[in-house]
C-alpha atoms as a PDB file:
ATOM      1  CA  UNK A   1     -29.984  19.729  10.568  1.00  0.00           C
ATOM      2  CA  UNK A   2     -30.122  16.080  11.648  1.00  0.00           C
ATOM      3  CA  UNK A   3     -27.883  13.691   9.729  1.00  0.00           C
ATOM      4  CA  UNK A   4     -29.862  11.371   7.474  1.00  0.00           C
ATOM      5  CA  UNK A   5     -29.599   7.606   7.693  1.00  0.00           C
ATOM      6  CA  UNK A   6     -31.228   5.184   5.246  1.00  0.00           C
ATOM      7  CA  UNK A   7     -32.231   1.832   6.781  1.00  0.00           C
ATOM      8  CA  UNK A   8     -33.253  -0.951   4.371  1.00  0.00           C
ATOM      9  CA  UNK A   9     -34.543  -3.995   6.258  1.00  0.00           C
ATOM     10  CA  UNK A  10     -37.513  -6.343   5.667  1.00  0.00           C
ATOM     11  CA  UNK A  11     -38.039  -7.242   9.349  1.00  0.00           C
ATOM     12  CA  UNK A  12     -40.663  -4.708  10.468  1.00  0.00           C
ATOM     13  CA  UNK A  13     -40.043  -5.237  14.179  1.00  0.00           C
ATOM     14  CA  UNK A  14     -36.282  -4.819  13.792  1.00  0.00           C
ATOM     15  CA  UNK A  15     -36.632  -1.750  11.587  1.00  0.00           C
ATOM     16  CA  UNK A  16     -38.969  -0.201  14.200  1.00  0.00           C
ATOM     17  CA  UNK A  17     -36.528  -0.880  17.058  1.00  0.00           C
ATOM     18  CA  UNK A  18     -33.496   0.419  15.149  1.00  0.00           C
ATOM     19  CA  UNK A  19     -35.360   3.491  13.945  1.00  0.00           C
ATOM     20  CA  UNK A  20     -36.391   4.337  17.504  1.00  0.00           C
ATOM     21  CA  UNK A  21     -32.820   4.038  18.767  1.00  0.00           C
ATOM     22  CA  UNK A  22     -31.344   6.043  15.880  1.00  0.00           C
ATOM     23  CA  UNK A  23     -33.895   8.815  16.280  1.00  0.00           C
ATOM     24  CA  UNK A  24     -33.091   8.949  19.995  1.00  0.00           C
ATOM     25  CA  UNK A  25     -29.486   9.600  18.946  1.00  0.00           C
ATOM     26  CA  UNK A  26     -30.664  12.575  16.911  1.00  0.00           C
ATOM     27  CA  UNK A  27     -30.562  11.077  13.429  1.00  0.00           C
ATOM     28  CA  UNK A  28     -33.227  11.503  10.741  1.00  0.00           C
ATOM     29  CA  UNK A  29     -34.107   7.951   9.661  1.00  0.00           C
ATOM     30  CA  UNK A  30     -35.551   6.953   6.302  1.00  0.00           C
ATOM     31  CA  UNK A  31     -36.704   3.343   5.936  1.00  0.00           C
ATOM     32  CA  UNK A  32     -37.495   0.836   3.196  1.00  0.00           C
ATOM     33  CA  UNK A  33     -38.717  -2.767   3.423  1.00  0.00           C
ATOM     34  CA  UNK A  34     -37.205  -4.010   0.160  1.00  0.00           C
ATOM     35  CA  UNK A  35     -34.337  -3.295  -2.212  1.00  0.00           C
ATOM     36  CA  UNK A  36     -36.368  -1.516  -4.881  1.00  0.00           C
ATOM     37  CA  UNK A  37     -37.874   0.925  -2.378  1.00  0.00           C
ATOM     38  CA  UNK A  38     -34.411   1.428  -0.909  1.00  0.00           C
ATOM     39  CA  UNK A  39     -32.977   2.245  -4.340  1.00  0.00           C
ATOM     40  CA  UNK A  40     -35.731   4.812  -4.905  1.00  0.00           C
ATOM     41  CA  UNK A  41     -34.842   6.528  -1.629  1.00  0.00           C
ATOM     42  CA  UNK A  42     -31.124   6.482  -2.501  1.00  0.00           C
ATOM     43  CA  UNK A  43     -31.927   8.592  -5.542  1.00  0.00           C
ATOM     44  CA  UNK A  44     -34.236  10.976  -3.684  1.00  0.00           C
ATOM     45  CA  UNK A  45     -32.029  12.045  -0.754  1.00  0.00           C
ATOM     46  CA  UNK A  46     -28.428  12.476   0.330  1.00  0.00           C
ATOM     47  CA  UNK A  47     -27.490  10.298   3.305  1.00  0.00           C
ATOM     48  CA  UNK A  48     -24.641  10.255   5.816  1.00  0.00           C
ATOM     49  CA  UNK A  49     -24.983   6.482   6.292  1.00  0.00           C
ATOM     50  CA  UNK A  50     -26.826   3.595   4.632  1.00  0.00           C
ATOM     51  CA  UNK A  51     -27.654   0.388   6.543  1.00  0.00           C
ATOM     52  CA  UNK A  52     -28.596  -2.647   4.439  1.00  0.00           C
ATOM     53  CA  UNK A  53     -29.867  -6.115   5.201  1.00  0.00           C
ATOM     54  CA  UNK A  54     -28.384  -8.686   2.784  1.00  0.00           C
ATOM     55  CA  UNK A  55     -31.498 -10.886   2.534  1.00  0.00           C
ATOM     56  CA  UNK A  56     -33.954  -8.410   1.025  1.00  0.00           C
ATOM     57  CA  UNK A  57     -36.945  -9.293  -1.174  1.00  0.00           C
ATOM     58  CA  UNK A  58     -36.566  -8.317  -4.822  1.00  0.00           C
ATOM     59  CA  UNK A  59     -33.216  -6.556  -5.150  1.00  0.00           C
ATOM     60  CA  UNK A  60     -30.986  -8.196  -2.515  1.00  0.00           C
ATOM     61  CA  UNK A  61     -28.580  -6.270  -0.291  1.00  0.00           C
ATOM     62  CA  UNK A  62     -25.433  -7.259  -2.198  1.00  0.00           C
ATOM     63  CA  UNK A  63     -26.921  -6.080  -5.504  1.00  0.00           C
ATOM     64  CA  UNK A  64     -28.190  -2.876  -3.906  1.00  0.00           C
ATOM     65  CA  UNK A  65     -24.751  -2.231  -2.401  1.00  0.00           C
ATOM     66  CA  UNK A  66     -23.209  -2.492  -5.871  1.00  0.00           C
ATOM     67  CA  UNK A  67     -25.833  -0.127  -7.295  1.00  0.00           C
ATOM     68  CA  UNK A  68     -25.152   2.399  -4.534  1.00  0.00           C
ATOM     69  CA  UNK A  69     -21.404   2.267  -5.158  1.00  0.00           C
ATOM     70  CA  UNK A  70     -21.910   2.757  -8.917  1.00  0.00           C
ATOM     71  CA  UNK A  71     -24.191   5.766  -8.409  1.00  0.00           C
ATOM     72  CA  UNK A  72     -22.335   9.140  -8.398  1.00  0.00           C
ATOM     73  CA  UNK A  73     -24.796  10.487  -5.838  1.00  0.00           C
ATOM     74  CA  UNK A  74     -24.127   7.761  -3.282  1.00  0.00           C
ATOM     75  CA  UNK A  75     -20.714   6.296  -4.212  1.00  0.00           C
ATOM     76  CA  UNK A  76     -18.989   7.752  -1.135  1.00  0.00           C
ATOM     77  CA  UNK A  77     -21.702   7.119   1.484  1.00  0.00           C
ATOM     78  CA  UNK A  78     -20.619   4.655   4.234  1.00  0.00           C
ATOM     79  CA  UNK A  79     -22.541   1.357   4.214  1.00  0.00           C
ATOM     80  CA  UNK A  80     -23.141  -1.059   7.098  1.00  0.00           C
ATOM     81  CA  UNK A  81     -24.510  -4.484   6.135  1.00  0.00           C
ATOM     82  CA  UNK A  82     -26.789  -6.487   8.433  1.00  0.00           C
ATOM     83  CA  UNK A  83     -27.147 -10.218   7.931  1.00  0.00           C
ATOM     84  CA  UNK A  84     -28.020 -13.471   9.645  1.00  0.00           C
ATOM     85  CA  UNK A  85     -25.151 -15.045   7.745  1.00  0.00           C
ATOM     86  CA  UNK A  86     -21.931 -15.275   9.683  1.00  0.00           C
ATOM     87  CA  UNK A  87     -19.476 -17.124   7.455  1.00  0.00           C
ATOM     88  CA  UNK A  88     -16.134 -15.608   6.510  1.00  0.00           C
ATOM     89  CA  UNK A  89     -17.050 -15.900   2.817  1.00  0.00           C
ATOM     90  CA  UNK A  90     -20.253 -13.877   3.254  1.00  0.00           C
ATOM     91  CA  UNK A  91     -18.381 -11.186   5.155  1.00  0.00           C
ATOM     92  CA  UNK A  92     -15.716 -11.003   2.454  1.00  0.00           C
ATOM     93  CA  UNK A  93     -18.393 -10.752  -0.243  1.00  0.00           C
ATOM     94  CA  UNK A  94     -20.123  -7.885   1.556  1.00  0.00           C
ATOM     95  CA  UNK A  95     -16.889  -5.955   2.096  1.00  0.00           C
ATOM     96  CA  UNK A  96     -15.688  -6.714  -1.435  1.00  0.00           C
ATOM     97  CA  UNK A  97     -18.947  -5.299  -2.795  1.00  0.00           C
ATOM     98  CA  UNK A  98     -18.233  -1.998  -1.080  1.00  0.00           C
ATOM     99  CA  UNK A  99     -19.608  -2.200   2.458  1.00  0.00           C
ATOM    100  CA  UNK A 100     -17.645  -0.421   5.189  1.00  0.00           C
ATOM    101  CA  UNK A 101     -18.796  -2.616   8.071  1.00  0.00           C
ATOM    102  CA  UNK A 102     -20.684  -5.862   8.647  1.00  0.00           C
ATOM    103  CA  UNK A 103     -22.898  -6.827  11.614  1.00  0.00           C
ATOM    104  CA  UNK A 104     -24.139 -10.387  12.120  1.00  0.00           C
ATOM    105  CA  UNK A 105     -27.629 -10.948  13.537  1.00  0.00           C
ATOM    106  CA  UNK A 106     -28.605 -11.249  16.293  1.00  0.00           C
ATOM    107  CA  UNK A 107     -26.760  -8.244  17.654  1.00  0.00           C
ATOM    108  CA  UNK A 108     -27.138  -5.976  20.660  1.00  0.00           C
ATOM    109  CA  UNK A 109     -28.436  -2.453  20.201  1.00  0.00           C
ATOM    110  CA  UNK A 110     -25.395  -1.137  22.043  1.00  0.00           C
ATOM    111  CA  UNK A 111     -23.053  -2.765  19.522  1.00  0.00           C
ATOM    112  CA  UNK A 112     -25.205  -1.502  16.648  1.00  0.00           C
ATOM    113  CA  UNK A 113     -25.142   2.111  17.848  1.00  0.00           C
ATOM    114  CA  UNK A 114     -21.402   1.887  18.480  1.00  0.00           C
ATOM    115  CA  UNK A 115     -20.808   0.792  14.874  1.00  0.00           C
ATOM    116  CA  UNK A 116     -23.043   3.610  13.621  1.00  0.00           C
ATOM    117  CA  UNK A 117     -21.114   6.194  15.655  1.00  0.00           C
ATOM    118  CA  UNK A 118     -17.808   4.932  14.243  1.00  0.00           C
ATOM    119  CA  UNK A 119     -19.030   5.457  10.683  1.00  0.00           C
ATOM    120  CA  UNK A 120     -20.440   8.871  11.550  1.00  0.00           C
ATOM    121  CA  UNK A 121     -17.078   9.983  12.986  1.00  0.00           C
ATOM    122  CA  UNK A 122     -15.073   8.802   9.997  1.00  0.00           C
ATOM    123  CA  UNK A 123     -14.323  11.296   7.234  1.00  0.00           C
ATOM    124  CA  UNK A 124     -16.057  10.467   3.980  1.00  0.00           C
ATOM    125  CA  UNK A 125     -13.912   8.222   1.793  1.00  0.00           C
ATOM    126  CA  UNK A 126     -13.760   9.518  -1.751  1.00  0.00           C
ATOM    127  CA  UNK A 127     -14.000   6.269  -3.644  1.00  0.00           C
ATOM    128  CA  UNK A 128     -14.789   7.727  -7.028  1.00  0.00           C
ATOM    129  CA  UNK A 129     -16.192   5.678  -9.903  1.00  0.00           C
ATOM    130  CA  UNK A 130     -13.003   5.401 -11.893  1.00  0.00           C
ATOM    131  CA  UNK A 131      -9.529   4.635 -10.672  1.00  0.00           C
ATOM    132  CA  UNK A 132      -6.417   4.498 -12.828  1.00  0.00           C
ATOM    133  CA  UNK A 133      -3.851   3.570 -10.154  1.00  0.00           C
ATOM    134  CA  UNK A 134      -3.460   1.564  -6.953  1.00  0.00           C
ATOM    135  CA  UNK A 135      -0.679   1.848  -4.392  1.00  0.00           C
ATOM    136  CA  UNK A 136       0.473   0.089  -1.235  1.00  0.00           C
ATOM    137  CA  UNK A 137       3.811   0.878   0.371  1.00  0.00           C
ATOM    138  CA  UNK A 138       6.427   0.876  -2.383  1.00  0.00           C
ATOM    139  CA  UNK A 139       4.092  -0.961  -4.772  1.00  0.00           C
ATOM    140  CA  UNK A 140       2.186   0.943  -7.448  1.00  0.00           C
ATOM    141  CA  UNK A 141      -0.093  -0.379 -10.173  1.00  0.00           C
ATOM    142  CA  UNK A 142      -0.938   1.573 -13.305  1.00  0.00           C
ATOM    143  CA  UNK A 143      -4.381   0.144 -14.061  1.00  0.00           C
ATOM    144  CA  UNK A 144      -4.695   1.829 -17.443  1.00  0.00           C
ATOM    145  CA  UNK A 145      -1.323   0.693 -18.761  1.00  0.00           C
ATOM    146  CA  UNK A 146      -1.375  -2.519 -16.672  1.00  0.00           C
ATOM    147  CA  UNK A 147       2.172  -1.917 -15.438  1.00  0.00           C
ATOM    148  CA  UNK A 148       3.497  -2.674 -11.947  1.00  0.00           C
ATOM    149  CA  UNK A 149       6.257  -0.875 -10.038  1.00  0.00           C
ATOM    150  CA  UNK A 150       8.174  -1.712  -6.852  1.00  0.00           C
ATOM    151  CA  UNK A 151      10.267   1.050  -5.300  1.00  0.00           C
ATOM    152  CA  UNK A 152       9.941   2.973  -8.563  1.00  0.00           C
ATOM    153  CA  UNK A 153      11.233   0.141 -10.739  1.00  0.00           C
ATOM    154  CA  UNK A 154       8.947  -1.729 -13.091  1.00  0.00           C
ATOM    155  CA  UNK A 155       8.358  -5.397 -12.331  1.00  0.00           C
ATOM    156  CA  UNK A 156       7.006  -7.787 -14.928  1.00  0.00           C
ATOM    157  CA  UNK A 157       3.745  -9.487 -13.960  1.00  0.00           C
ATOM    158  CA  UNK A 158       1.577 -11.836 -15.975  1.00  0.00           C
ATOM    159  CA  UNK A 159      -2.026 -10.747 -16.530  1.00  0.00           C
ATOM    160  CA  UNK A 160      -3.270 -13.073 -13.779  1.00  0.00           C
ATOM    161  CA  UNK A 161      -0.573 -11.924 -11.336  1.00  0.00           C
ATOM    162  CA  UNK A 162      -1.453  -8.294 -12.058  1.00  0.00           C
ATOM    163  CA  UNK A 163      -5.161  -8.938 -11.449  1.00  0.00           C
ATOM    164  CA  UNK A 164      -4.502 -10.907  -8.255  1.00  0.00           C
ATOM    165  CA  UNK A 165      -2.281  -8.134  -6.879  1.00  0.00           C
ATOM    166  CA  UNK A 166      -4.951  -5.566  -7.797  1.00  0.00           C
ATOM    167  CA  UNK A 167      -7.526  -7.488  -5.753  1.00  0.00           C
ATOM    168  CA  UNK A 168      -5.114  -7.787  -2.844  1.00  0.00           C
ATOM    169  CA  UNK A 169      -4.386  -4.057  -2.746  1.00  0.00           C
ATOM    170  CA  UNK A 170      -8.085  -3.170  -3.035  1.00  0.00           C
ATOM    171  CA  UNK A 171      -8.843  -5.490  -0.119  1.00  0.00           C
ATOM    172  CA  UNK A 172      -5.747  -4.980   2.026  1.00  0.00           C
ATOM    173  CA  UNK A 173      -6.099  -6.687   5.404  1.00  0.00           C
ATOM    174  CA  UNK A 174      -9.062  -8.858   4.364  1.00  0.00           C
ATOM    175  CA  UNK A 175      -8.841 -12.613   3.881  1.00  0.00           C
ATOM    176  CA  UNK A 176      -9.494 -13.560   0.253  1.00  0.00           C
ATOM    177  CA  UNK A 177     -10.395 -17.181  -0.333  1.00  0.00           C
ATOM    178  CA  UNK A 178      -9.101 -19.108  -3.323  1.00  0.00           C
ATOM    179  CA  UNK A 179     -12.668 -19.385  -4.638  1.00  0.00           C
ATOM    180  CA  UNK A 180     -13.152 -15.626  -4.406  1.00  0.00           C
ATOM    181  CA  UNK A 181      -9.853 -14.928  -6.183  1.00  0.00           C
ATOM    182  CA  UNK A 182     -10.810 -17.317  -8.976  1.00  0.00           C
ATOM    183  CA  UNK A 183     -14.197 -15.632  -9.331  1.00  0.00           C
ATOM    184  CA  UNK A 184     -12.690 -12.125  -9.418  1.00  0.00           C
ATOM    185  CA  UNK A 185      -9.675 -12.903 -11.630  1.00  0.00           C
ATOM    186  CA  UNK A 186     -10.825 -15.768 -13.860  1.00  0.00           C
ATOM    187  CA  UNK A 187     -14.494 -14.707 -14.038  1.00  0.00           C
ATOM    188  CA  UNK A 188     -17.828 -15.559 -12.420  1.00  0.00           C
ATOM    189  CA  UNK A 189     -18.610 -18.248 -15.021  1.00  0.00           C
ATOM    190  CA  UNK A 190     -15.351 -20.114 -14.457  1.00  0.00           C
ATOM    191  CA  UNK A 191     -15.955 -23.608 -13.088  1.00  0.00           C
ATOM    192  CA  UNK A 192     -13.852 -24.014  -9.949  1.00  0.00           C
ATOM    193  CA  UNK A 193     -12.141 -27.341  -9.328  1.00  0.00           C
ATOM    194  CA  UNK A 194      -9.469 -28.480  -6.893  1.00  0.00           C
ATOM    195  CA  UNK A 195      -6.857 -28.197  -9.645  1.00  0.00           C
ATOM    196  CA  UNK A 196      -7.841 -24.559 -10.174  1.00  0.00           C
ATOM    197  CA  UNK A 197      -7.340 -23.807  -6.493  1.00  0.00           C
ATOM    198  CA  UNK A 198      -3.815 -25.198  -6.728  1.00  0.00           C
ATOM    199  CA  UNK A 199      -3.290 -22.923  -9.745  1.00  0.00           C
ATOM    200  CA  UNK A 200      -4.037 -19.933  -7.492  1.00  0.00           C
ATOM    201  CA  UNK A 201      -1.331 -21.131  -5.104  1.00  0.00           C
ATOM    202  CA  UNK A 202       1.168 -21.298  -7.983  1.00  0.00           C
ATOM    203  CA  UNK A 203       0.361 -17.723  -9.054  1.00  0.00           C
ATOM    204  CA  UNK A 204       0.711 -16.550  -5.461  1.00  0.00           C
ATOM    205  CA  UNK A 205       4.120 -18.214  -5.226  1.00  0.00           C
ATOM    206  CA  UNK A 206       5.280 -16.483  -8.416  1.00  0.00           C
ATOM    207  CA  UNK A 207       3.848 -13.170  -7.214  1.00  0.00           C
ATOM    208  CA  UNK A 208       5.706 -13.474  -3.916  1.00  0.00           C
ATOM    209  CA  UNK A 209       8.954 -13.972  -5.800  1.00  0.00           C
ATOM    210  CA  UNK A 210       8.432 -10.574  -7.430  1.00  0.00           C
ATOM    211  CA  UNK A 211       7.194  -8.434  -4.536  1.00  0.00           C
ATOM    212  CA  UNK A 212       8.545 -10.037  -1.333  1.00  0.00           C
ATOM    213  CA  UNK A 213      11.992  -9.306   0.073  1.00  0.00           C
ATOM    214  CA  UNK A 214      12.221 -12.966   1.087  1.00  0.00           C
ATOM    215  CA  UNK A 215       9.660 -15.135  -0.760  1.00  0.00           C
ATOM    216  CA  UNK A 216      10.359 -18.040   1.601  1.00  0.00           C
ATOM    217  CA  UNK A 217       9.224 -15.894   4.550  1.00  0.00           C
ATOM    218  CA  UNK A 218       6.540 -13.672   3.006  1.00  0.00           C
ATOM    219  CA  UNK A 219       5.401 -10.601   4.901  1.00  0.00           C
ATOM    220  CA  UNK A 220       3.136  -8.997   2.315  1.00  0.00           C
ATOM    221  CA  UNK A 221       1.019 -11.979   1.258  1.00  0.00           C
ATOM    222  CA  UNK A 222       0.322 -14.267   4.208  1.00  0.00           C
ATOM    223  CA  UNK A 223      -1.379 -17.655   4.037  1.00  0.00           C
ATOM    224  CA  UNK A 224      -4.499 -18.139   6.155  1.00  0.00           C
ATOM    225  CA  UNK A 225      -4.572 -21.895   6.548  1.00  0.00           C
ATOM    226  CA  UNK A 226      -7.724 -23.533   5.240  1.00  0.00           C
ATOM    227  CA  UNK A 227      -9.141 -20.262   3.891  1.00  0.00           C
ATOM    228  CA  UNK A 228      -6.906 -18.348   1.498  1.00  0.00           C
ATOM    229  CA  UNK A 229      -4.605 -15.340   1.639  1.00  0.00           C
ATOM    230  CA  UNK A 230      -4.333 -11.952   3.308  1.00  0.00           C
ATOM    231  CA  UNK A 231      -2.433  -8.994   1.817  1.00  0.00           C
ATOM    232  CA  UNK A 232      -0.672  -7.020   4.523  1.00  0.00           C
ATOM    233  CA  UNK A 233       0.460  -4.126   2.314  1.00  0.00           C
END
């Protein structure tokens, strides 16, 4: 039986071209022109891959991605996001929401099919809807008890340090901007000012003192100049 792919895209010409190429590869393609129709199809079939445009009418791609990840039926399905946006912040937002890959328009059909094949070859990642622990190297976080351990020994973290480290581990290898960290840790309604961004730097410095072998030459939390920080694990 052909593997099913759901393609949600409001550009009719693009959706026709991509559908033709995917069908030529042997996939069964289901399509929707807006987020609401896409959500209906998510609940009607089981897919091997979902491809979403971010700028969808009605329910946008980011919101739909969140809905897919919070749905037991589709929580583990790989997601590729398509978008005309190419900024680092937009890419981080898409990946943070739960996407597995991100393709910026305009793109070549060869690149597109290559990305699809990569996701099809990957084993399904069991994300699950609830998680009570995170781990990276010798670091482990007990999310229920909000306790942190390094090499089996408990380390004392403030609430903000614990939440920042949680975001880092969840997004290992990705660049997290100061604005994004503030939004995730302090809340979406928090008004971000320059002083607040410096506060993030202070928390990072304190966090490095607790998890780095040499805080003056950090290897786990690296600074990406002008953007934010990357957790290397």
